[in-house]
Protein backbone atom coordinates (compact mmCIF):
# COMPACT_ATOMS: atom_id res chain seq x y z
CA MET A 1 -32.11 -1.06 1.43
CA LYS A 2 -31.07 -2.81 -1.79
CA MET A 3 -27.74 -3.80 -3.32
CA GLN A 4 -26.62 -4.93 -6.77
CA ARG A 5 -23.13 -6.04 -7.82
CA ILE A 6 -22.06 -5.23 -11.39
CA GLU A 7 -19.08 -7.15 -12.81
CA THR A 8 -16.81 -5.83 -15.55
CA PRO A 9 -16.01 -8.64 -18.01
CA GLY A 10 -12.40 -9.70 -18.38
CA ILE A 11 -10.87 -8.02 -15.33
CA ALA A 12 -12.83 -9.52 -12.41
CA HIS A 13 -13.81 -6.02 -11.27
CA TYR A 14 -16.87 -5.53 -9.07
CA ALA A 15 -18.79 -2.28 -8.73
CA TYR A 16 -21.65 -2.06 -6.25
CA LEU A 17 -24.84 -0.01 -6.21
CA ILE A 18 -26.37 0.36 -2.76
CA ALA A 19 -29.75 2.09 -2.62
CA ASP A 20 -32.07 3.23 0.10
CA GLY A 21 -35.32 4.77 -1.03
CA ALA A 22 -34.71 6.98 -4.06
CA GLN A 23 -30.99 7.52 -3.38
CA ALA A 24 -28.07 5.27 -4.28
CA ALA A 25 -24.31 5.16 -3.83
CA LEU A 26 -22.20 3.62 -6.59
CA PHE A 27 -18.82 2.21 -5.55
CA ASP A 28 -15.82 2.00 -7.91
CA PRO A 29 -17.48 2.42 -11.32
CA GLY A 30 -15.70 1.46 -14.54
CA ARG A 31 -15.49 3.48 -17.74
CA PHE A 32 -18.59 2.11 -19.48
CA VAL A 33 -21.50 3.35 -17.42
CA GLU A 34 -24.71 2.02 -18.98
CA PRO A 35 -24.83 -1.04 -16.65
CA TYR A 36 -24.88 1.35 -13.67
CA PHE A 37 -27.78 3.35 -15.05
CA GLU A 38 -29.62 0.09 -15.70
CA ALA A 39 -28.93 -1.11 -12.15
CA ALA A 40 -30.22 2.18 -10.75
CA ARG A 41 -33.41 1.83 -12.78
CA ASN A 42 -33.82 -1.74 -11.51
CA LEU A 43 -33.51 -0.53 -7.92
CA GLY A 44 -35.81 2.44 -8.47
CA ALA A 45 -33.18 4.95 -7.40
CA ARG A 46 -30.93 7.67 -8.74
CA ILE A 47 -27.16 7.73 -8.25
CA THR A 48 -26.45 10.47 -5.71
CA HIS A 49 -22.93 9.46 -4.62
CA ILE A 50 -20.01 7.95 -6.54
CA VAL A 51 -17.59 6.41 -4.06
CA GLU A 52 -13.96 5.49 -4.82
CA THR A 53 -12.23 3.06 -2.48
CA HIS A 54 -8.85 3.94 -4.02
CA ARG A 55 -7.25 5.07 -7.25
CA GLN A 56 -7.68 1.89 -9.26
CA GLU A 57 -4.70 0.57 -11.24
CA ASP A 58 -6.19 -2.07 -13.53
CA PHE A 59 -9.01 -0.23 -15.31
CA ALA A 60 -10.15 3.24 -16.28
CA MET A 61 -12.78 4.51 -13.87
CA GLY A 62 -15.94 6.34 -14.92
CA SER A 63 -16.42 8.60 -11.90
CA ALA A 64 -15.99 12.01 -13.51
CA TYR A 65 -18.24 11.22 -16.48
CA LEU A 66 -20.94 9.75 -14.25
CA ALA A 67 -20.86 12.79 -12.01
CA GLU A 68 -21.38 15.04 -15.05
CA GLN A 69 -24.33 12.95 -16.21
CA THR A 70 -26.05 12.53 -12.84
CA GLY A 71 -24.99 15.44 -10.67
CA ALA A 72 -23.81 12.90 -8.09
CA LYS A 73 -21.08 13.81 -5.62
CA ILE A 74 -17.75 12.01 -5.93
CA VAL A 75 -16.57 10.66 -2.58
CA ASN A 76 -12.97 9.63 -1.89
CA GLY A 77 -10.22 9.85 0.67
CA ASN A 78 -8.56 13.12 1.57
CA PHE A 79 -5.28 12.38 -0.23
CA ASP A 80 -3.15 14.02 -2.91
CA THR A 81 -3.48 10.92 -5.08
CA PHE A 82 -6.91 12.28 -6.03
CA GLU A 83 -7.35 15.53 -7.93
CA HIS A 84 -11.13 15.41 -7.88
CA GLY A 85 -14.00 14.76 -5.50
CA GLU A 86 -16.61 16.90 -3.80
CA MET A 87 -16.46 14.94 -0.54
CA ARG A 88 -12.91 14.26 0.69
CA LEU A 89 -13.20 12.05 3.75
CA ASN A 90 -10.84 11.32 6.60
CA ASP A 91 -10.80 8.16 8.68
CA GLY A 92 -14.05 7.93 10.64
CA ASP A 93 -15.99 10.52 8.60
CA THR A 94 -19.54 9.63 7.56
CA PHE A 95 -22.15 10.56 4.98
CA THR A 96 -25.74 9.44 4.40
CA VAL A 97 -27.64 7.83 1.54
CA GLY A 98 -31.34 7.71 2.33
CA GLU A 99 -31.42 6.40 5.89
CA LEU A 100 -28.08 4.61 5.54
CA THR A 101 -24.97 5.91 7.26
CA ILE A 102 -21.70 5.16 5.44
CA LYS A 103 -18.49 5.38 7.44
CA ALA A 104 -15.04 5.84 5.87
CA LEU A 105 -12.25 3.63 7.21
CA HIS A 106 -8.68 4.34 6.11
CA THR A 107 -7.20 0.93 5.23
CA PRO A 108 -3.79 1.50 3.57
CA GLY A 109 -1.34 -1.20 2.56
CA HIS A 110 -2.48 -2.03 -0.95
CA THR A 111 -2.14 1.67 -1.77
CA PRO A 112 -1.62 4.56 0.66
CA GLU A 113 -5.02 6.15 -0.05
CA SER A 114 -7.11 2.96 0.19
CA MET A 115 -10.38 3.41 2.02
CA SER A 116 -13.04 0.92 3.08
CA TYR A 117 -16.65 1.96 3.69
CA ALA A 118 -18.90 0.37 6.31
CA VAL A 119 -22.63 0.71 5.62
CA TYR A 120 -25.00 1.05 8.59
CA PRO A 121 -28.79 0.84 8.38
CA PRO A 122 -30.73 2.62 11.15
CA SER A 123 -29.13 0.36 13.78
CA ASP A 124 -25.82 0.01 15.56
CA GLU A 125 -24.36 -2.81 13.43
CA ALA A 126 -22.74 -2.64 10.01
CA TRP A 127 -24.63 -4.50 7.28
CA CYS A 128 -21.75 -4.58 4.80
CA VAL A 129 -18.28 -3.17 4.23
CA LEU A 130 -16.93 -2.14 0.83
CA THR A 131 -13.26 -3.09 1.11
CA GLY A 132 -11.85 -2.11 -2.28
CA ASP A 133 -8.58 -4.04 -2.63
CA ALA A 134 -7.79 -4.05 1.09
CA LEU A 135 -9.63 -7.31 1.77
CA PHE A 136 -10.53 -9.95 -0.80
CA TYR A 137 -12.07 -13.36 -0.25
CA GLY A 138 -9.30 -15.51 1.21
CA THR A 139 -6.56 -12.92 1.00
CA THR A 140 -5.82 -9.21 0.53
CA GLY A 141 -4.66 -7.01 -2.32
CA ARG A 142 -1.02 -7.00 -3.39
CA THR A 143 1.26 -4.70 -1.40
CA ASP A 144 4.06 -3.98 -3.86
CA LEU A 145 2.36 -1.25 -5.90
CA PRO A 146 3.45 1.84 -3.89
CA ASP A 147 7.05 0.58 -3.68
CA ALA A 148 8.20 -2.98 -4.46
CA ASP A 149 11.05 -2.61 -1.94
CA LYS A 150 8.52 -1.91 0.82
CA ALA A 151 6.08 -4.72 -0.02
CA VAL A 152 6.72 -6.53 3.29
CA GLU A 153 6.39 -3.30 5.26
CA ASN A 154 3.15 -2.45 3.46
CA ALA A 155 1.83 -5.94 4.14
CA GLY A 156 2.40 -5.38 7.84
CA LEU A 157 0.54 -2.09 7.63
CA LEU A 158 -2.36 -3.79 5.85
CA TYR A 159 -2.42 -6.54 8.47
CA ASP A 160 -2.68 -3.96 11.24
CA VAL A 161 -5.59 -2.02 9.73
CA VAL A 162 -7.52 -5.18 8.90
CA GLN A 163 -7.15 -6.41 12.46
CA ASP A 164 -7.88 -3.00 13.96
CA LYS A 165 -10.72 -1.72 11.78
CA LEU A 166 -12.30 -4.57 9.81
CA ALA A 167 -12.04 -7.41 12.32
CA SER A 168 -13.99 -5.32 14.85
CA LEU A 169 -17.06 -5.25 12.59
CA PRO A 170 -19.81 -7.79 13.38
CA ASP A 171 -19.18 -11.29 12.03
CA THR A 172 -22.40 -11.00 10.02
CA THR A 173 -21.10 -8.01 8.04
CA LEU A 174 -21.02 -8.71 4.31
CA VAL A 175 -17.58 -8.22 2.72
CA LEU A 176 -17.82 -6.57 -0.71
CA PRO A 177 -14.38 -6.35 -2.41
CA ALA A 178 -13.60 -4.55 -5.67
CA HIS A 179 -12.14 -7.65 -7.34
CA GLY A 180 -12.50 -11.40 -7.56
CA PRO A 181 -10.32 -14.28 -8.83
CA GLY A 182 -8.40 -13.41 -11.98
CA SER A 183 -7.64 -9.82 -11.07
CA VAL A 184 -4.08 -8.56 -11.50
CA CYS A 185 -4.48 -6.57 -8.25
CA GLY A 186 -3.88 -9.68 -6.17
CA SER A 187 -3.53 -13.44 -6.24
CA GLY A 188 -4.90 -16.41 -4.37
CA MET A 189 -8.48 -15.14 -4.13
CA ALA A 190 -11.18 -17.64 -3.24
CA GLU A 191 -13.96 -18.53 -5.69
CA LYS A 192 -16.99 -17.39 -3.69
CA PRO A 193 -20.12 -15.42 -4.58
CA PHE A 194 -20.23 -13.59 -1.23
CA SER A 195 -18.65 -13.74 2.21
CA THR A 196 -18.80 -12.17 5.66
CA ILE A 197 -16.31 -10.90 8.19
CA GLY A 198 -16.95 -14.00 10.29
CA GLU A 199 -16.32 -16.33 7.36
CA GLU A 200 -13.12 -14.50 6.43
CA LYS A 201 -11.84 -14.83 9.99
CA ARG A 202 -12.04 -18.61 9.59
CA TYR A 203 -9.99 -18.98 6.41
CA ASN A 204 -8.52 -15.70 5.12
CA GLU A 205 -4.73 -15.64 5.48
CA VAL A 206 -4.75 -12.13 6.95
CA PHE A 207 -6.66 -13.61 9.91
CA THR A 208 -5.19 -17.13 10.10
CA LEU A 209 -1.52 -16.06 9.96
CA ASN A 210 0.26 -13.91 12.50
CA ARG A 211 1.63 -10.51 11.52
CA ASP A 212 5.13 -11.69 10.65
CA GLN A 213 3.91 -14.71 8.68
CA PHE A 214 1.42 -12.67 6.71
CA SER A 215 3.85 -9.82 6.03
CA ARG A 216 6.48 -12.17 4.64
CA LYS A 217 4.01 -14.22 2.61
CA LYS A 218 2.09 -11.30 1.11
CA GLY A 219 5.12 -9.05 0.77
CA GLY A 220 7.08 -11.88 -0.85
CA GLU A 221 4.63 -12.39 -3.72
CA ARG A 222 6.15 -11.82 -7.15
CA ASN A 223 3.26 -10.42 -9.14
CA PRO A 224 4.00 -8.80 -12.51
CA ARG A 225 3.12 -5.14 -12.78
CA PRO A 226 1.53 -4.44 -16.17
CA PRO A 227 2.79 -1.21 -17.77
CA PHE A 228 -0.76 0.09 -18.21
CA PHE A 229 -1.07 0.38 -14.42
CA ARG A 230 0.86 3.67 -14.65
CA ILE A 231 -1.56 4.96 -17.28
CA MET A 232 -4.57 4.02 -15.17
CA GLU A 233 -3.12 5.72 -12.11
CA ARG A 234 -2.72 8.90 -14.12
CA VAL A 235 -6.19 8.99 -15.66
CA ASN A 236 -7.95 7.83 -12.49
CA LYS A 237 -6.30 10.60 -10.52
CA LYS A 238 -8.68 12.88 -12.44
CA GLY A 239 -11.73 10.62 -12.21
CA GLY A 240 -11.09 8.28 -15.12
CA LEU A 241 -12.23 8.49 -18.74
CA PRO A 242 -15.60 8.99 -20.47
CA PRO A 243 -17.07 6.09 -22.45
CA LEU A 244 -15.66 5.69 -25.94
CA ALA A 245 -18.44 5.65 -28.53
CA ARG A 246 -15.97 4.74 -31.27
CA THR A 247 -15.79 1.15 -30.04
CA GLU A 248 -19.06 0.63 -31.90
CA ALA A 249 -17.70 2.21 -35.08
CA VAL A 250 -14.37 0.46 -35.65
CA PRO A 251 -13.76 0.51 -39.42
CA LEU A 252 -14.37 -2.91 -40.95
CA LEU A 253 -11.83 -3.64 -43.69
CA SER A 254 -11.53 -6.08 -46.56
CA ALA A 255 -8.44 -8.27 -46.70
CA ALA A 256 -6.79 -5.90 -49.20
CA GLU A 257 -7.61 -2.82 -47.11
CA PHE A 258 -6.46 -4.54 -43.93
CA ALA A 259 -3.15 -5.57 -45.50
CA GLU A 260 -2.47 -2.03 -46.66
CA GLN A 261 -3.57 -0.11 -43.58
CA SER A 262 -2.11 -2.41 -40.91
CA GLN A 263 1.47 -2.27 -42.20
CA GLU A 264 3.87 -1.31 -39.41
CA LYS A 265 0.94 -1.29 -36.96
CA LEU A 266 0.08 -3.63 -34.07
CA VAL A 267 -2.09 -6.51 -35.30
CA VAL A 268 -3.85 -8.45 -32.53
CA ASP A 269 -5.49 -11.82 -33.22
CA THR A 270 -8.21 -12.47 -30.62
CA ARG A 271 -8.96 -16.09 -31.52
CA GLU A 272 -8.21 -19.03 -29.25
CA PRO A 273 -4.56 -20.17 -29.40
CA GLU A 274 -5.40 -23.34 -31.36
CA GLY A 275 -6.92 -21.21 -34.10
CA PHE A 276 -3.87 -18.94 -34.16
CA ALA A 277 -1.59 -21.97 -34.39
CA GLY A 278 -3.46 -23.29 -37.42
CA GLY A 279 -2.96 -20.08 -39.37
CA HIS A 280 -2.55 -16.36 -38.79
CA LEU A 281 -1.24 -13.13 -40.27
CA THR A 282 2.54 -12.96 -40.19
CA GLY A 283 3.76 -10.75 -37.35
CA SER A 284 0.46 -10.66 -35.46
CA HIS A 285 0.15 -11.00 -31.69
CA SER A 286 -2.04 -13.76 -30.26
CA ILE A 287 -4.17 -12.41 -27.40
CA TRP A 288 -7.36 -14.35 -26.80
CA PHE A 289 -10.56 -12.32 -26.53
CA GLY A 290 -10.91 -12.60 -22.75
CA GLY A 291 -7.26 -11.66 -22.22
CA LEU A 292 -7.44 -8.30 -24.00
CA PRO A 293 -8.18 -6.16 -20.89
CA VAL A 294 -4.88 -7.34 -19.37
CA PHE A 295 -2.48 -8.45 -22.08
CA GLY A 296 -3.49 -5.77 -24.54
CA GLY A 297 -1.83 -3.43 -22.08
CA TRP A 298 1.43 -5.40 -22.23
CA VAL A 299 1.83 -5.01 -26.00
CA GLY A 300 0.23 -1.57 -26.56
CA ASP A 301 -0.58 1.70 -24.84
CA GLU A 302 -2.84 4.72 -25.27
CA ASN A 303 -0.88 5.86 -28.35
CA THR A 304 -0.76 2.51 -30.16
CA SER A 305 -2.66 2.03 -33.42
CA ILE A 306 -4.24 -1.43 -33.26
CA PHE A 307 -5.83 -3.59 -35.96
CA LEU A 308 -7.95 -6.56 -34.92
CA VAL A 309 -8.34 -10.06 -36.34
CA THR A 310 -11.27 -11.84 -34.71
CA ASP A 311 -13.24 -15.05 -35.14
CA ARG A 312 -16.31 -13.17 -36.33
CA THR A 313 -17.25 -9.61 -37.18
CA GLU A 314 -19.55 -9.63 -34.15
CA ASP A 315 -16.51 -9.94 -31.86
CA VAL A 316 -14.99 -6.62 -32.94
CA TYR A 317 -17.14 -4.41 -30.70
CA GLY A 318 -16.45 -6.44 -27.56
CA ALA A 319 -12.72 -6.61 -28.31
CA ALA A 320 -12.47 -2.85 -28.78
CA LYS A 321 -14.41 -2.32 -25.57
CA HIS A 322 -12.06 -4.63 -23.66
CA LEU A 323 -9.09 -2.54 -24.81
CA ALA A 324 -10.84 0.73 -24.04
CA ARG A 325 -11.28 -0.40 -20.43
CA ILE A 326 -7.53 0.06 -19.99
CA GLY A 327 -7.32 3.28 -22.00
CA ILE A 328 -6.33 1.79 -25.37
CA ASP A 329 -8.64 3.69 -27.70
CA HIS A 330 -6.96 3.59 -31.10
CA VAL A 331 -8.50 0.50 -32.64
CA ASP A 332 -8.16 1.76 -36.19
CA GLY A 333 -9.49 -1.19 -38.12
CA ALA A 334 -10.72 -4.78 -38.01
CA LEU A 335 -10.86 -7.55 -40.59
CA THR A 336 -14.47 -7.90 -41.66
CA GLY A 337 -15.69 -11.47 -41.44
CA GLY A 338 -12.84 -12.39 -39.13
CA PHE A 339 -9.85 -14.53 -40.06
CA GLY A 340 -11.94 -16.43 -42.62
CA THR A 341 -11.85 -13.38 -44.87
CA TRP A 342 -8.05 -13.40 -44.90
CA ARG A 343 -7.92 -17.16 -45.43
CA SER A 344 -10.22 -16.91 -48.44
CA SER A 345 -8.27 -14.03 -49.97
CA GLY A 346 -5.23 -16.15 -50.75
CA LYS A 347 -2.94 -13.75 -48.91
CA PRO A 348 0.10 -15.12 -47.00
CA ILE A 349 -0.62 -17.16 -43.88
CA GLU A 350 1.89 -18.13 -41.21
CA ALA A 351 1.37 -21.15 -38.93
CA SER A 352 2.91 -22.26 -35.67
CA GLY A 353 2.25 -25.58 -33.99
CA THR A 354 0.71 -27.44 -31.09
CA ILE A 355 1.84 -30.43 -29.10
CA THR A 356 0.22 -32.72 -26.53
CA PRO A 357 1.70 -33.42 -23.09
CA GLU A 358 2.30 -37.09 -24.00
CA THR A 359 4.24 -36.16 -27.14
CA LEU A 360 6.27 -33.57 -25.26
CA LYS A 361 7.19 -36.16 -22.64
CA GLU A 362 8.24 -38.64 -25.33
CA TYR A 363 10.45 -36.21 -27.25
CA GLN A 364 11.47 -33.88 -24.44
CA ARG A 365 15.21 -34.28 -25.02
CA GLU A 366 14.84 -32.86 -28.51
CA LEU A 367 12.71 -29.91 -27.45
CA GLN A 368 13.23 -26.68 -25.51
CA VAL A 369 10.47 -25.82 -23.04
CA LEU A 370 9.59 -22.24 -22.12
CA ASP A 371 7.12 -21.67 -19.27
CA VAL A 372 5.60 -18.17 -19.49
CA ARG A 373 3.68 -18.24 -16.19
CA GLU A 374 4.42 -15.97 -13.26
CA GLU A 375 7.41 -16.79 -11.06
CA ASP A 376 5.29 -18.02 -8.16
CA GLU A 377 3.28 -20.29 -10.46
CA PHE A 378 6.48 -21.71 -11.93
CA ALA A 379 7.92 -22.32 -8.46
CA GLY A 380 4.79 -24.29 -7.56
CA GLY A 381 5.66 -27.03 -10.04
CA HIS A 382 6.92 -27.07 -13.62
CA ILE A 383 8.14 -29.37 -16.38
CA PRO A 384 11.70 -30.57 -15.61
CA GLY A 385 14.29 -28.50 -17.42
CA ALA A 386 11.86 -25.76 -18.43
CA LEU A 387 13.00 -22.16 -18.66
CA ASN A 388 10.83 -19.46 -17.13
CA MET A 389 10.06 -15.94 -18.30
CA TYR A 390 6.71 -14.28 -17.65
CA VAL A 391 4.99 -13.59 -20.95
CA GLY A 392 4.63 -9.88 -20.21
CA TYR A 393 8.42 -9.52 -20.06
CA LEU A 394 9.23 -11.93 -22.88
CA ALA A 395 9.56 -9.53 -25.81
CA GLU A 396 11.78 -7.14 -23.87
CA ARG A 397 13.96 -9.75 -22.17
CA LEU A 398 14.06 -12.58 -24.69
CA LYS A 399 17.83 -12.23 -25.13
CA GLU A 400 18.31 -13.25 -21.50
CA LEU A 401 17.06 -16.77 -22.24
CA PRO A 402 19.46 -19.47 -23.52
CA LEU A 403 17.10 -20.53 -26.31
CA GLU A 404 18.55 -22.00 -29.51
CA ARG A 405 16.82 -20.74 -32.63
CA ASP A 406 17.57 -23.89 -34.61
CA ARG A 407 15.79 -26.18 -32.15
CA PRO A 408 12.00 -26.45 -31.65
CA VAL A 409 10.53 -24.53 -28.70
CA VAL A 410 7.44 -25.62 -26.76
CA VAL A 411 5.69 -22.82 -24.86
CA THR A 412 3.45 -23.58 -21.90
CA CYS A 413 1.40 -21.74 -19.29
CA GLY A 414 -1.64 -22.69 -17.20
CA VAL A 415 -3.90 -23.95 -20.01
CA GLY A 416 -2.47 -22.42 -23.19
CA HIS A 417 -3.75 -18.84 -23.52
CA ARG A 418 -0.69 -16.96 -22.27
CA ALA A 419 1.43 -19.49 -24.13
CA GLY A 420 -0.33 -18.38 -27.32
CA LEU A 421 0.96 -14.85 -26.79
CA GLY A 422 4.40 -16.28 -26.01
CA VAL A 423 4.36 -18.27 -29.26
CA SER A 424 3.54 -15.14 -31.27
CA ILE A 425 6.35 -13.18 -29.60
CA LEU A 426 8.89 -15.90 -30.46
CA LEU A 427 7.68 -16.03 -34.06
CA ARG A 428 8.05 -12.26 -34.34
CA ALA A 429 11.60 -12.64 -33.01
CA GLY A 430 12.53 -15.06 -35.79
CA PHE A 431 12.01 -18.48 -34.20
CA THR A 432 10.62 -20.81 -36.84
CA ASP A 433 9.48 -23.92 -34.95
CA VAL A 434 7.35 -22.85 -32.00
CA ARG A 435 4.58 -24.98 -30.48
CA ASN A 436 1.90 -24.42 -27.85
CA LEU A 437 1.45 -27.16 -25.24
CA LEU A 438 -2.25 -27.99 -25.51
CA GLY A 439 -3.87 -27.83 -22.09
CA GLY A 440 -0.70 -26.39 -20.55
CA MET A 441 0.31 -27.32 -17.03
CA LYS A 442 -3.25 -28.24 -16.12
CA ALA A 443 -3.19 -31.09 -18.62
CA TRP A 444 0.40 -32.04 -17.73
CA LYS A 445 -0.54 -32.38 -14.06
CA ALA A 446 -3.80 -34.18 -14.86
CA LEU A 447 -1.74 -36.89 -16.59
CA GLU A 448 0.57 -37.04 -13.54
CA LEU A 449 3.66 -36.39 -15.64
CA PRO A 450 6.96 -35.49 -13.90
CA LEU A 451 7.27 -32.14 -12.13
CA GLU A 452 10.05 -30.27 -10.38
CA ASP A 453 9.87 -27.31 -8.02
């Protein structure tokens, strides 16, 4: 028996390949499948089963395409939320891979169709359990996705199934979740390479809190729901999307071509926020490279025509692939040579600004502060007098904020990346003096500057 975990960059997604002899089961594959073929070759096995723990919300799955390429059977729960699958399992059903027995456990709460899969070698004890988003390290998946008004009720349901079905597994059972820290499918996950049921019982809140405490805590989380979740639910209902070969053939454009073709289109600048602040194309959105698989889905969708400005030409392929992971396929051009090409062309450049925590503290009375973190982050400590609006909602709800356009605005977040997007949204809305707090709240707290809850 062998196992390999394959991580999808940018979204903290984990797929797992578990092999026994020449057969292997692949759990929760993403859209780009070559890493799974490579893993199978490394383990000396072929993929015979493609197992879905639930209909993923934060990325396009690759199940249907993989099944076409390999002849593998797609395995999922027996629910209407799936419109595909050769093996539709009920709670307690089993199937075999080599000499391994894999048992389906219905573990709803994150989503109604969520399943976990316990893997048994030829013995009576489970070796590992694939928990999807039902059980993470230190916490569980969010419970607001089926219905935000029933988040507390769903949290109670999740608590019950964890206690009833997962807690009864041996303490030595490896826990293999579908996501790690940084995923938008939950919050508060622990930074750990691996864990066991026994370890989770010692520190995971679903075990250390009672049912009422956990239900209120988990159900009371205020996690933003990215609009692309709805798109992913729709495409994953049918087994996801095939890989997009065009990510390797994004047209590279000169500055003149880029200026002409990107008019009235969505221009995304993938450089770090400090680079964007120093100079950028007027009207462009600042979304750092690593943030594209999440925040690209806040500003665009599957029908949006996108043009990329990167640091280097070599970054274009990875940026397009990040967007394709959430079903955004229309990357219709990129600036060859990155922003340097535009800078050298003499074409118009817009700049924003940056500010240090010490300078903000000194001149705070003259400045407006906008914190674009999530509500729960903001409630955990923020700059006195700061306004709060999550960056994903900022463009749509900017008019709700009492910001004065003739006064400078400082935008902050955790370290400055989300603030970069916030800065670009304010600039597009006509604000002229907008600055990014360098280091964000991490730097502010490191200097022990004043906070309020």
